[in-house]
Amino acid sequence: MSVMQRFGNWTGGKVFKLVHGNNLVYNTCWEDPRLDRVALELTGDDNVLVITSAGCNALDYALTGPNRVFAVDMNPRQNALLELKMAAIRALDYESFFEMFGRGYLENTRDVYRDKLRPELTGWTRSYWDRRIRRFFGNKRNSFYFHGTSGWFARLINVYIDRIVRLRPWIDEVLDAKCLDEQRSIYNEYLKSQFWTRGLKFAMSRDATLSLVGVPRAQREHLETTYEGGIVGFIDACLEAVFAELPIVDNYFWRVYLTGRYTKVCCPEYLKEENFQLLKDGLVDRVQTATNSVQGFLEETDAPISRFVLLDHMDWLCTNFYSALEAEWQAIVNRAAPESRIIWRSGGTRTDFVDTVEVKLKGQKTQVGELLSYRRDTADQLHPLDRVHTYGSFHIAEMATV
């Protein structure tokens, strides 16, 4: 590795740690749970482990009625957000809940928090929101979805749309398109070249920009080497898919970052009135948070885990923290229930590095790939339907009975 490459890795890591070290990173999940439901085939007997992120998908899985959903994250702020959502489900009526997490603003924030939400919180989570609740949810003109590091990115994109390229009327038009043909026509004629400018392409290829949405240098480099056209080509294809190939009418992922809010028609499942009531009636109690690494949680719990949702974090581990990746897979093998299923995403088009990870099983060394049976056909059918479309690949694997 050259001196410049080492310097780039060092500075990229420093930028990422500076941005994420003491911040709420994700204010909404950026993985499509519609795909996850098909891939996981959850039943009432399943215990699910999911990396928390913003907690949206943990609540989505709970709606299917599994035995338990363990939301695990090393960042306590992410768990604090999920715990706040759970407190709001228990303590608020639907309209207030949707105002808070659908529109990103709650009237009389301080009073509602003090009287209804705070009593439902404990410990570190309570102290965290004591200091931030009004700033995050108390400004009608500054949605909650413009807070956190990913929210800063969303805010910058909106400034770019409104003040630099001045495309807000056409963004609104494409989001409200009645059919795919109308949506595609608006995108091709008014947005494609005007939005995706040379300046934006340059910005989106920088580590400092990508760090705002949780993409470390290692993941960018992974994309650069596995995707033709690199990161810029990948984003170009992503925009084409989202705005010209897939219906945007229910794409709440892009709507919330382009507008700062959801609608009652275009929102995560946990924000829909009938599902809010199901959660309130008891399903929310099946969700449990833990501030820990995946490995640490698995080593401390006695519960057999039958479903693992690993998001894309193995991209981060495979380059600079390979020993942590090995330890994590050892913990997965040790704690997996019979016929368990594991799903993950990657910024790259392949994750061959997973198969070569070495673990011990019954005292013998083996590679993870020898324990996994991939459902490639299902993954390949689902991946093009991903409404987020910011991942290079989607993986579903079943683990041999251990």
Protein backbone atom coordinates (compact mmCIF):
# COMPACT_ATOMS: atom_id res chain seq x y z
CA MET A 1 0.00 0.00 0.00
CA SER A 2 1.40 3.41 -0.98
CA VAL A 3 1.95 6.32 1.39
CA MET A 4 -0.94 8.19 -0.27
CA GLN A 5 -3.26 5.20 0.13
CA ARG A 6 -2.37 4.89 3.80
CA PHE A 7 -2.92 8.62 4.27
CA GLY A 8 -6.29 8.36 2.48
CA ASN A 9 -7.38 5.50 4.72
CA TRP A 10 -6.29 7.43 7.82
CA THR A 11 -8.07 10.65 6.86
CA GLY A 12 -11.17 8.77 5.69
CA GLY A 13 -11.36 7.01 9.04
CA LYS A 14 -10.87 10.26 10.94
CA VAL A 15 -13.68 11.98 8.99
CA PHE A 16 -16.02 9.05 9.60
CA LYS A 17 -15.27 8.98 13.34
CA LEU A 18 -15.64 12.77 13.58
CA VAL A 19 -19.08 12.65 11.96
CA HIS A 20 -20.37 9.57 13.76
CA GLY A 21 -18.53 9.47 17.05
CA ASN A 22 -21.08 11.31 19.18
CA ASN A 23 -24.12 11.59 16.93
CA LEU A 24 -27.42 10.00 16.10
CA VAL A 25 -26.54 8.74 12.64
CA TYR A 26 -29.76 7.31 11.16
CA ASN A 27 -33.14 8.99 11.69
CA THR A 28 -34.87 6.43 9.45
CA CYS A 29 -33.94 2.95 8.24
CA TRP A 30 -32.49 2.75 4.76
CA GLU A 31 -33.24 -0.94 4.08
CA ASP A 32 -36.48 -2.08 2.46
CA PRO A 33 -38.38 -4.35 4.92
CA ARG A 34 -40.77 -5.42 2.16
CA LEU A 35 -37.92 -7.52 0.80
CA ASP A 36 -36.93 -8.65 4.28
CA ARG A 37 -40.38 -10.06 5.03
CA VAL A 38 -40.21 -12.29 1.95
CA ALA A 39 -36.62 -13.30 2.66
CA LEU A 40 -37.09 -14.04 6.36
CA GLU A 41 -40.51 -15.76 6.30
CA LEU A 42 -41.03 -14.93 9.96
CA THR A 43 -43.20 -17.13 12.18
CA GLY A 44 -44.36 -16.93 15.78
CA ASP A 45 -41.47 -19.15 16.83
CA ASP A 46 -38.71 -16.91 15.50
CA ASN A 47 -36.29 -14.84 17.52
CA VAL A 48 -34.88 -12.12 15.29
CA LEU A 49 -31.64 -10.21 15.71
CA VAL A 50 -31.49 -6.95 13.74
CA ILE A 51 -29.00 -4.11 13.89
CA THR A 52 -31.17 -1.29 15.22
CA SER A 53 -30.36 1.63 12.92
CA ALA A 54 -33.44 3.87 13.39
CA GLY A 55 -35.66 1.04 14.62
CA CYS A 56 -38.24 1.28 11.81
CA ASN A 57 -37.56 -2.24 10.59
CA ALA A 58 -37.50 -3.79 14.06
CA LEU A 59 -41.07 -2.49 14.45
CA ASP A 60 -41.93 -3.73 10.95
CA TYR A 61 -40.78 -7.25 11.83
CA ALA A 62 -42.74 -7.11 15.10
CA LEU A 63 -45.91 -6.59 13.04
CA THR A 64 -45.49 -10.09 11.61
CA GLY A 65 -45.74 -11.55 15.13
CA PRO A 66 -42.37 -13.24 15.81
CA ASN A 67 -41.59 -14.44 19.32
CA ARG A 68 -38.99 -11.70 19.93
CA VAL A 69 -37.12 -8.98 18.01
CA PHE A 70 -33.73 -8.09 19.48
CA ALA A 71 -32.60 -4.68 18.18
CA VAL A 72 -28.86 -4.46 18.74
CA ASP A 73 -26.63 -1.45 18.07
CA MET A 74 -23.27 -0.25 19.36
CA ASN A 75 -24.49 3.36 19.15
CA PRO A 76 -26.76 4.00 22.18
CA ARG A 77 -28.37 6.94 20.35
CA GLN A 78 -29.88 4.58 17.78
CA ASN A 79 -31.43 2.48 20.53
CA ALA A 80 -32.62 5.66 22.24
CA LEU A 81 -34.52 6.57 19.08
CA LEU A 82 -36.22 3.17 18.90
CA GLU A 83 -37.04 3.34 22.61
CA LEU A 84 -38.60 6.78 22.08
CA LYS A 85 -40.75 5.36 19.28
CA MET A 86 -41.82 2.50 21.52
CA ALA A 87 -42.67 4.93 24.34
CA ALA A 88 -44.72 7.03 21.91
CA ILE A 89 -46.61 3.96 20.70
CA ARG A 90 -47.52 3.10 24.29
CA ALA A 91 -48.37 6.63 25.47
CA LEU A 92 -49.73 8.64 22.52
CA ASP A 93 -52.81 8.49 20.33
CA TYR A 94 -52.30 7.79 16.64
CA GLU A 95 -52.59 11.38 15.41
CA SER A 96 -49.97 12.62 17.86
CA PHE A 97 -47.72 9.68 17.02
CA PHE A 98 -47.95 10.42 13.30
CA GLU A 99 -47.29 14.12 13.86
CA MET A 100 -44.13 13.20 15.71
CA PHE A 101 -42.68 10.47 13.50
CA GLY A 102 -44.61 11.02 10.28
CA ARG A 103 -44.26 14.77 9.91
CA GLY A 104 -41.21 15.14 12.14
CA TYR A 105 -42.79 17.72 14.46
CA LEU A 106 -44.90 17.54 17.60
CA GLU A 107 -47.03 20.39 18.94
CA ASN A 108 -46.25 21.26 22.57
CA THR A 109 -43.21 18.99 22.41
CA ARG A 110 -41.86 19.80 25.85
CA ASP A 111 -45.19 19.22 27.66
CA VAL A 112 -46.01 16.00 25.81
CA TYR A 113 -42.54 14.68 26.45
CA ARG A 114 -42.60 15.58 30.16
CA ASP A 115 -46.11 14.25 30.84
CA LYS A 116 -46.38 11.21 28.55
CA LEU A 117 -43.11 10.08 27.02
CA ARG A 118 -40.47 10.68 29.68
CA PRO A 119 -42.17 8.40 32.26
CA GLU A 120 -41.87 5.54 29.74
CA LEU A 121 -38.10 5.99 29.39
CA THR A 122 -35.29 5.00 31.71
CA GLY A 123 -31.61 5.60 32.30
CA TRP A 124 -29.41 6.83 29.50
CA THR A 125 -32.29 7.11 27.02
CA ARG A 126 -34.16 9.49 29.29
CA SER A 127 -31.14 11.73 29.81
CA TYR A 128 -30.44 11.75 26.07
CA TRP A 129 -33.94 12.97 25.16
CA ASP A 130 -34.12 15.35 28.13
CA ARG A 131 -31.45 17.38 26.34
CA ARG A 132 -32.64 17.00 22.74
CA ILE A 133 -36.38 16.42 22.46
CA ARG A 134 -37.32 20.03 21.76
CA ARG A 135 -34.48 20.58 19.30
CA PHE A 136 -35.29 17.44 17.33
CA PHE A 137 -39.09 17.58 17.38
CA GLY A 138 -40.08 21.09 18.42
CA ASN A 139 -39.51 23.12 15.24
CA LYS A 140 -42.23 22.89 12.60
CA ARG A 141 -39.94 24.31 9.91
CA ASN A 142 -37.06 21.98 10.73
CA SER A 143 -38.31 18.40 10.64
CA PHE A 144 -36.81 15.67 12.79
CA TYR A 145 -35.74 14.08 9.48
CA PHE A 146 -33.29 16.94 8.99
CA HIS A 147 -31.52 16.02 12.24
CA GLY A 148 -28.81 13.44 12.87
CA THR A 149 -25.93 13.01 10.45
CA SER A 150 -28.13 11.49 7.74
CA GLY A 151 -30.54 14.37 8.36
CA TRP A 152 -27.75 16.85 7.69
CA PHE A 153 -27.28 15.15 4.34
CA ALA A 154 -31.02 15.40 3.62
CA ARG A 155 -30.97 19.08 4.53
CA LEU A 156 -28.06 19.72 2.17
CA ILE A 157 -29.88 17.91 -0.66
CA ASN A 158 -32.95 20.07 -0.08
CA VAL A 159 -30.85 23.24 -0.14
CA TYR A 160 -29.33 22.01 -3.39
CA ILE A 161 -32.82 21.35 -4.87
CA ASP A 162 -34.37 24.63 -3.71
CA ARG A 163 -31.55 27.14 -4.09
CA ILE A 164 -28.99 25.80 -6.54
CA VAL A 165 -30.71 23.75 -9.25
CA ARG A 166 -34.20 25.10 -8.34
CA LEU A 167 -36.03 21.90 -9.17
CA ARG A 168 -38.55 21.78 -6.32
CA PRO A 169 -41.67 21.96 -8.58
CA TRP A 170 -40.45 18.94 -10.55
CA ILE A 171 -39.44 16.99 -7.44
CA ASP A 172 -42.99 17.51 -6.15
CA GLU A 173 -44.41 16.50 -9.53
CA VAL A 174 -42.45 13.27 -9.74
CA LEU A 175 -43.33 12.29 -6.15
CA ASP A 176 -47.03 12.82 -6.93
CA ALA A 177 -46.96 11.06 -10.32
CA LYS A 178 -50.03 8.89 -10.86
CA CYS A 179 -48.30 6.16 -12.84
CA LEU A 180 -44.84 4.93 -13.78
CA ASP A 181 -45.01 6.38 -17.31
CA GLU A 182 -45.77 9.87 -15.95
CA GLN A 183 -43.03 9.52 -13.35
CA ARG A 184 -40.48 8.41 -15.95
CA SER A 185 -41.42 11.23 -18.31
CA ILE A 186 -40.96 13.89 -15.62
CA TYR A 187 -37.63 12.44 -14.55
CA ASN A 188 -36.22 12.15 -18.06
CA GLU A 189 -37.34 15.59 -19.20
CA TYR A 190 -36.87 17.76 -16.13
CA LEU A 191 -34.67 16.01 -13.55
CA LYS A 192 -32.18 13.58 -15.03
CA SER A 193 -29.56 15.99 -16.34
CA GLN A 194 -30.55 19.04 -14.28
CA PHE A 195 -30.33 17.25 -10.90
CA TRP A 196 -27.38 14.93 -11.45
CA THR A 197 -24.85 17.66 -12.28
CA ARG A 198 -21.07 17.47 -12.45
CA GLY A 199 -20.79 19.27 -9.12
CA LEU A 200 -23.10 16.81 -7.37
CA LYS A 201 -21.25 13.87 -8.90
CA PHE A 202 -18.01 15.26 -7.50
CA ALA A 203 -19.54 15.79 -4.04
CA MET A 204 -21.02 12.28 -3.95
CA SER A 205 -17.66 10.71 -4.69
CA ARG A 206 -16.06 12.32 -1.60
CA ASP A 207 -15.65 10.45 1.68
CA ALA A 208 -16.76 13.51 3.66
CA THR A 209 -20.14 13.54 1.88
CA LEU A 210 -20.67 9.77 2.03
CA SER A 211 -19.83 9.69 5.74
CA LEU A 212 -23.02 11.69 6.41
CA VAL A 213 -25.11 8.74 5.24
CA GLY A 214 -23.02 6.14 7.03
CA VAL A 215 -20.76 5.04 4.16
CA PRO A 216 -17.14 4.66 5.36
CA ARG A 217 -14.15 4.77 3.04
CA ALA A 218 -13.83 0.96 3.02
CA GLN A 219 -17.34 0.58 1.63
CA ARG A 220 -16.77 3.21 -1.05
CA GLU A 221 -13.58 1.50 -2.12
CA HIS A 222 -15.42 -1.82 -2.21
CA LEU A 223 -17.90 -0.29 -4.67
CA GLU A 224 -15.15 1.30 -6.72
CA THR A 225 -13.57 -2.10 -7.32
CA THR A 226 -16.73 -4.20 -7.83
CA TYR A 227 -19.06 -1.90 -9.78
CA GLU A 228 -18.38 -0.76 -13.33
CA GLY A 229 -18.28 3.03 -13.29
CA GLY A 230 -17.41 3.16 -9.59
CA ILE A 231 -19.40 5.12 -7.02
CA VAL A 232 -20.60 7.76 -9.50
CA GLY A 233 -21.81 5.13 -11.95
CA PHE A 234 -23.53 3.29 -9.12
CA ILE A 235 -25.41 6.38 -7.92
CA ASP A 236 -26.39 7.21 -11.50
CA ALA A 237 -27.92 3.74 -11.90
CA CYS A 238 -29.60 4.09 -8.51
CA LEU A 239 -31.33 7.34 -9.47
CA GLU A 240 -32.43 5.84 -12.78
CA ALA A 241 -33.99 2.86 -11.01
CA VAL A 242 -35.73 4.89 -8.29
CA PHE A 243 -37.19 7.59 -10.54
CA ALA A 244 -37.65 5.84 -13.88
CA GLU A 245 -38.02 2.11 -13.28
CA LEU A 246 -39.82 1.57 -9.95
CA PRO A 247 -43.13 3.14 -8.82
CA ILE A 248 -42.35 5.98 -6.45
CA VAL A 249 -45.88 6.28 -5.09
CA ASP A 250 -44.97 4.18 -2.02
CA ASN A 251 -41.26 4.93 -1.88
CA TYR A 252 -41.21 6.49 1.56
CA PHE A 253 -37.42 6.21 1.81
CA TRP A 254 -36.78 8.85 -0.84
CA ARG A 255 -39.86 10.93 -0.05
CA VAL A 256 -38.81 11.62 3.52
CA TYR A 257 -35.34 12.85 2.54
CA LEU A 258 -36.65 14.92 -0.37
CA THR A 259 -39.42 16.57 1.65
CA GLY A 260 -38.64 16.06 5.35
CA ARG A 261 -41.84 14.16 6.05
CA TYR A 262 -43.97 11.13 5.23
CA THR A 263 -47.61 11.06 4.22
CA LYS A 264 -50.17 8.64 5.64
CA VAL A 265 -50.19 6.86 2.30
CA CYS A 266 -46.42 6.83 1.80
CA CYS A 267 -44.79 5.85 5.09
CA PRO A 268 -43.28 2.88 6.95
CA GLU A 269 -45.74 0.21 8.08
CA TYR A 270 -45.40 1.12 11.77
CA LEU A 271 -46.78 4.60 10.98
CA LYS A 272 -50.03 3.33 9.45
CA GLU A 273 -53.01 3.61 11.77
CA GLU A 274 -54.05 -0.04 11.76
CA ASN A 275 -50.50 -1.18 12.41
CA PHE A 276 -49.95 1.43 15.12
CA GLN A 277 -52.89 -0.11 16.95
CA LEU A 278 -51.50 -3.63 16.58
CA LEU A 279 -48.22 -2.48 18.08
CA LYS A 280 -50.01 -0.63 20.86
CA ASP A 281 -52.09 -3.71 21.65
CA GLY A 282 -48.98 -5.69 22.52
CA LEU A 283 -46.72 -6.37 19.56
CA VAL A 284 -44.39 -3.51 20.57
CA ASP A 285 -43.59 -5.46 23.74
CA ARG A 286 -41.90 -8.12 21.62
CA VAL A 287 -39.12 -5.68 20.72
CA GLN A 288 -36.10 -5.45 23.01
CA THR A 289 -33.08 -3.17 22.58
CA ALA A 290 -29.47 -3.86 23.49
CA THR A 291 -26.52 -1.51 23.22
CA ASN A 292 -23.80 -3.90 22.18
CA SER A 293 -22.00 -5.34 19.18
CA VAL A 294 -23.61 -8.28 17.39
CA GLN A 295 -20.86 -10.49 18.75
CA GLY A 296 -21.19 -9.15 22.29
CA PHE A 297 -24.96 -9.57 22.35
CA LEU A 298 -24.81 -13.13 21.03
CA GLU A 299 -22.19 -14.08 23.60
CA GLU A 300 -24.32 -12.69 26.43
CA THR A 301 -27.79 -13.95 25.49
CA ASP A 302 -29.20 -17.41 26.09
CA ALA A 303 -31.90 -17.05 23.45
CA PRO A 304 -31.47 -19.13 20.27
CA ILE A 305 -31.61 -16.81 17.25
CA SER A 306 -33.33 -18.13 14.14
CA ARG A 307 -33.24 -14.97 12.00
CA PHE A 308 -30.28 -12.58 11.63
CA VAL A 309 -30.51 -9.20 9.84
CA LEU A 310 -26.95 -7.92 9.45
CA LEU A 311 -27.59 -4.89 7.20
CA ASP A 312 -24.37 -3.90 5.39
CA HIS A 313 -21.93 -3.64 8.28
CA MET A 314 -19.77 -6.56 7.12
CA ASP A 315 -18.51 -4.29 4.33
CA TRP A 316 -17.03 -2.15 7.10
CA LEU A 317 -15.42 -5.09 8.91
CA CYS A 318 -13.93 -7.03 6.02
CA THR A 319 -11.25 -4.46 5.16
CA ASN A 320 -9.93 -3.12 8.44
CA PHE A 321 -11.48 -5.29 11.19
CA TYR A 322 -11.31 -8.82 9.82
CA SER A 323 -10.67 -10.37 13.23
CA ALA A 324 -13.94 -8.77 14.43
CA LEU A 325 -15.72 -10.28 11.43
CA GLU A 326 -14.37 -13.73 12.35
CA ALA A 327 -15.41 -13.31 15.99
CA GLU A 328 -18.89 -12.19 14.95
CA TRP A 329 -19.44 -15.20 12.71
CA GLN A 330 -18.20 -17.51 15.45
CA ALA A 331 -20.81 -15.99 17.75
CA ILE A 332 -23.49 -16.44 15.07
CA VAL A 333 -22.58 -20.10 14.61
CA ASN A 334 -22.62 -20.65 18.37
CA ARG A 335 -26.02 -19.01 18.92
CA ALA A 336 -27.91 -19.93 15.74
CA ALA A 337 -31.04 -22.04 16.14
CA PRO A 338 -31.59 -25.01 13.81
CA GLU A 339 -32.55 -23.96 10.28
CA SER A 340 -31.68 -20.34 10.96
CA ARG A 341 -31.67 -17.77 8.17
CA ILE A 342 -29.35 -14.80 7.69
CA ILE A 343 -29.79 -11.80 5.40
CA TRP A 344 -27.38 -8.99 4.62
CA ARG A 345 -26.73 -6.26 2.10
CA SER A 346 -23.55 -4.92 0.56
CA GLY A 347 -22.37 -1.83 -1.23
CA GLY A 348 -20.55 -4.19 -3.61
CA THR A 349 -21.98 -6.68 -6.05
CA ARG A 350 -20.40 -9.66 -4.24
CA THR A 351 -19.50 -10.64 -0.69
CA ASP A 352 -17.14 -13.53 -1.35
CA PHE A 353 -15.20 -12.57 1.77
CA VAL A 354 -18.01 -14.00 3.93
CA ASP A 355 -17.49 -17.55 2.66
CA THR A 356 -13.79 -17.60 3.55
CA VAL A 357 -14.25 -16.57 7.18
CA GLU A 358 -12.98 -19.37 9.42
CA VAL A 359 -14.95 -20.58 12.46
CA LYS A 360 -14.83 -23.58 14.76
CA LEU A 361 -17.69 -26.06 14.76
CA LYS A 362 -17.61 -29.04 17.10
CA GLY A 363 -13.91 -28.45 17.65
CA GLN A 364 -13.07 -28.44 13.94
CA LYS A 365 -12.11 -25.45 11.81
CA THR A 366 -14.37 -24.79 8.85
CA GLN A 367 -15.22 -21.93 6.54
CA VAL A 368 -18.54 -20.11 6.83
CA GLY A 369 -19.32 -20.81 3.18
CA GLU A 370 -19.43 -24.54 3.96
CA LEU A 371 -22.21 -23.90 6.48
CA LEU A 372 -24.38 -21.66 4.33
CA SER A 373 -26.93 -22.58 1.69
CA TYR A 374 -27.65 -19.49 -0.40
CA ARG A 375 -31.10 -18.69 -1.75
CA ARG A 376 -29.66 -16.85 -4.72
CA ASP A 377 -32.73 -17.08 -6.95
CA THR A 378 -34.94 -15.44 -4.34
CA ALA A 379 -32.35 -12.76 -3.58
CA ASP A 380 -31.86 -12.04 -7.29
CA GLN A 381 -35.63 -11.68 -7.77
CA LEU A 382 -36.03 -9.37 -4.78
CA HIS A 383 -33.01 -7.11 -5.20
CA PRO A 384 -34.21 -5.24 -8.34
CA LEU A 385 -37.45 -4.41 -6.49
CA ASP A 386 -35.63 -2.66 -3.63
CA ARG A 387 -37.23 0.79 -3.22
CA VAL A 388 -34.07 2.18 -1.60
CA HIS A 389 -31.78 0.89 -4.33
CA THR A 390 -28.55 2.10 -2.74
CA TYR A 391 -27.04 -1.36 -2.23
CA GLY A 392 -25.07 -3.32 -4.78
CA SER A 393 -26.36 -6.72 -3.66
CA PHE A 394 -28.77 -8.56 -1.36
CA HIS A 395 -27.99 -11.94 0.21
CA ILE A 396 -30.16 -14.65 1.81
CA ALA A 397 -28.56 -17.72 3.35
CA GLU A 398 -29.71 -20.62 5.48
CA MET A 399 -27.30 -22.12 7.98
CA ALA A 400 -26.88 -25.85 8.18
CA THR A 401 -28.12 -27.38 11.44
CA VAL A 402 -25.36 -26.86 13.96
